[in-house]
Amino acid sequence: MEGKARFIFPALLSGVMAFLMTAVVTYLNIGFPADFLAKWMKAFVIAWPLAYCAALIASPLARRGTAWIIAKMDGPKI
């Protein structure tokens, strides 16, 4: 991934993942009280920047790991 996409893709991916994960974890921790949405959004606002930083760090590692696994699955090139 090159240029701006290198930063936009992890922002979108981490946003979706943080949105879904904070919803589930908030629900598991407190159930569905009247202020669920406010508590969920507070958790999301904290989680998304952290998830974005993690995605920026993890993406190159995941790409290299994926390439390594695929190379092992395909076997040696003749």
C-alpha atoms as a PDB file:
ATOM      1  CA  MET A   1       0.000   0.000   0.000  1.00  0.00           C
ATOM      2  CA  GLU A   2       1.384   3.370  -0.986  1.00  0.00           C
ATOM      3  CA  GLY A   3       0.843   7.033  -0.252  1.00  0.00           C
ATOM      4  CA  LYS A   4      -2.273   8.178   1.556  1.00  0.00           C
ATOM      5  CA  ALA A   5      -3.847   4.716   1.427  1.00  0.00           C
ATOM      6  CA  ARG A   6      -1.175   3.578   3.875  1.00  0.00           C
ATOM      7  CA  PHE A   7      -2.815   5.788   6.511  1.00  0.00           C
ATOM      8  CA  ILE A   8      -6.473   5.789   5.410  1.00  0.00           C
ATOM      9  CA  PHE A   9      -6.908   2.003   5.270  1.00  0.00           C
ATOM     10  CA  PRO A  10      -5.807   1.419   8.895  1.00  0.00           C
ATOM     11  CA  ALA A  11      -7.951   4.367  10.027  1.00  0.00           C
ATOM     12  CA  LEU A  12     -11.071   2.842   8.473  1.00  0.00           C
ATOM     13  CA  LEU A  13     -10.289  -0.713   9.533  1.00  0.00           C
ATOM     14  CA  SER A  14      -9.463   0.278  13.113  1.00  0.00           C
ATOM     15  CA  GLY A  15     -12.591   2.451  13.266  1.00  0.00           C
ATOM     16  CA  VAL A  16     -14.871  -0.409  12.279  1.00  0.00           C
ATOM     17  CA  MET A  17     -13.149  -2.865  14.594  1.00  0.00           C
ATOM     18  CA  ALA A  18     -13.088  -0.465  17.559  1.00  0.00           C
ATOM     19  CA  PHE A  19     -16.764   0.392  16.956  1.00  0.00           C
ATOM     20  CA  LEU A  20     -17.841  -3.251  17.028  1.00  0.00           C
ATOM     21  CA  MET A  21     -15.521  -4.402  19.807  1.00  0.00           C
ATOM     22  CA  THR A  22     -16.393  -1.554  22.165  1.00  0.00           C
ATOM     23  CA  ALA A  23     -20.086  -2.265  21.601  1.00  0.00           C
ATOM     24  CA  VAL A  24     -19.668  -5.914  22.548  1.00  0.00           C
ATOM     25  CA  VAL A  25     -17.373  -5.303  25.516  1.00  0.00           C
ATOM     26  CA  THR A  26     -19.529  -2.472  26.848  1.00  0.00           C
ATOM     27  CA  TYR A  27     -22.613  -4.678  26.586  1.00  0.00           C
ATOM     28  CA  LEU A  28     -20.861  -7.599  28.304  1.00  0.00           C
ATOM     29  CA  ASN A  29     -19.680  -5.340  31.132  1.00  0.00           C
ATOM     30  CA  ILE A  30     -22.822  -3.314  31.869  1.00  0.00           C
ATOM     31  CA  GLY A  31     -25.685  -4.873  29.922  1.00  0.00           C
ATOM     32  CA  PHE A  32     -28.060  -2.493  28.167  1.00  0.00           C
ATOM     33  CA  PRO A  33     -28.874   0.348  30.608  1.00  0.00           C
ATOM     34  CA  ALA A  34     -30.442   3.656  29.573  1.00  0.00           C
ATOM     35  CA  ASP A  35     -27.021   5.316  29.220  1.00  0.00           C
ATOM     36  CA  PHE A  36     -25.535   2.466  27.141  1.00  0.00           C
ATOM     37  CA  LEU A  37     -24.974   4.636  24.070  1.00  0.00           C
ATOM     38  CA  ALA A  38     -23.103   7.325  26.032  1.00  0.00           C
ATOM     39  CA  LYS A  39     -20.866   4.757  27.737  1.00  0.00           C
ATOM     40  CA  TRP A  40     -20.250   2.932  24.446  1.00  0.00           C
ATOM     41  CA  MET A  41     -19.293   6.139  22.636  1.00  0.00           C
ATOM     42  CA  LYS A  42     -16.930   7.096  25.472  1.00  0.00           C
ATOM     43  CA  ALA A  43     -15.217   3.720  25.134  1.00  0.00           C
ATOM     44  CA  PHE A  44     -15.114   4.048  21.342  1.00  0.00           C
ATOM     45  CA  VAL A  45     -13.550   7.528  21.420  1.00  0.00           C
ATOM     46  CA  ILE A  46     -10.783   6.171  23.642  1.00  0.00           C
ATOM     47  CA  ALA A  47     -10.330   2.899  21.750  1.00  0.00           C
ATOM     48  CA  TRP A  48     -10.215   4.153  18.154  1.00  0.00           C
ATOM     49  CA  PRO A  49      -6.981   6.168  18.358  1.00  0.00           C
ATOM     50  CA  LEU A  50      -5.325   3.296  20.198  1.00  0.00           C
ATOM     51  CA  ALA A  51      -6.578   0.818  17.596  1.00  0.00           C
ATOM     52  CA  TYR A  52      -5.317   3.099  14.808  1.00  0.00           C
ATOM     53  CA  CYS A  53      -1.823   3.210  16.312  1.00  0.00           C
ATOM     54  CA  ALA A  54      -1.879  -0.561  16.735  1.00  0.00           C
ATOM     55  CA  ALA A  55      -2.989  -0.996  13.114  1.00  0.00           C
ATOM     56  CA  LEU A  56      -0.170   1.227  11.858  1.00  0.00           C
ATOM     57  CA  ILE A  57       2.343  -0.857  13.785  1.00  0.00           C
ATOM     58  CA  ALA A  58       0.772  -4.247  13.076  1.00  0.00           C
ATOM     59  CA  SER A  59       0.045  -3.829   9.353  1.00  0.00           C
ATOM     60  CA  PRO A  60       3.628  -4.224   8.110  1.00  0.00           C
ATOM     61  CA  LEU A  61       4.149  -7.165  10.451  1.00  0.00           C
ATOM     62  CA  ALA A  62       0.921  -8.785   9.283  1.00  0.00           C
ATOM     63  CA  ARG A  63       1.887  -8.284   5.613  1.00  0.00           C
ATOM     64  CA  ARG A  64       5.286  -9.897   6.166  1.00  0.00           C
ATOM     65  CA  GLY A  65       3.740 -12.718   8.190  1.00  0.00           C
ATOM     66  CA  THR A  66       1.137 -13.322   5.496  1.00  0.00           C
ATOM     67  CA  ALA A  67       3.811 -13.404   2.777  1.00  0.00           C
ATOM     68  CA  TRP A  68       5.869 -15.846   4.845  1.00  0.00           C
ATOM     69  CA  ILE A  69       2.875 -18.163   5.451  1.00  0.00           C
ATOM     70  CA  ILE A  70       1.871 -18.102   1.774  1.00  0.00           C
ATOM     71  CA  ALA A  71       5.461 -18.857   0.739  1.00  0.00           C
ATOM     72  CA  LYS A  72       5.531 -21.841   3.123  1.00  0.00           C
ATOM     73  CA  MET A  73       2.148 -23.063   1.841  1.00  0.00           C
ATOM     74  CA  ASP A  74       3.210 -22.762  -1.812  1.00  0.00           C
ATOM     75  CA  GLY A  75       6.508 -24.527  -1.227  1.00  0.00           C
ATOM     76  CA  PRO A  76       9.781 -23.884  -2.995  1.00  0.00           C
ATOM     77  CA  LYS A  77       9.741 -22.308  -6.439  1.00  0.00           C
ATOM     78  CA  ILE A  78      11.389 -24.370  -9.170  1.00  0.00           C
END
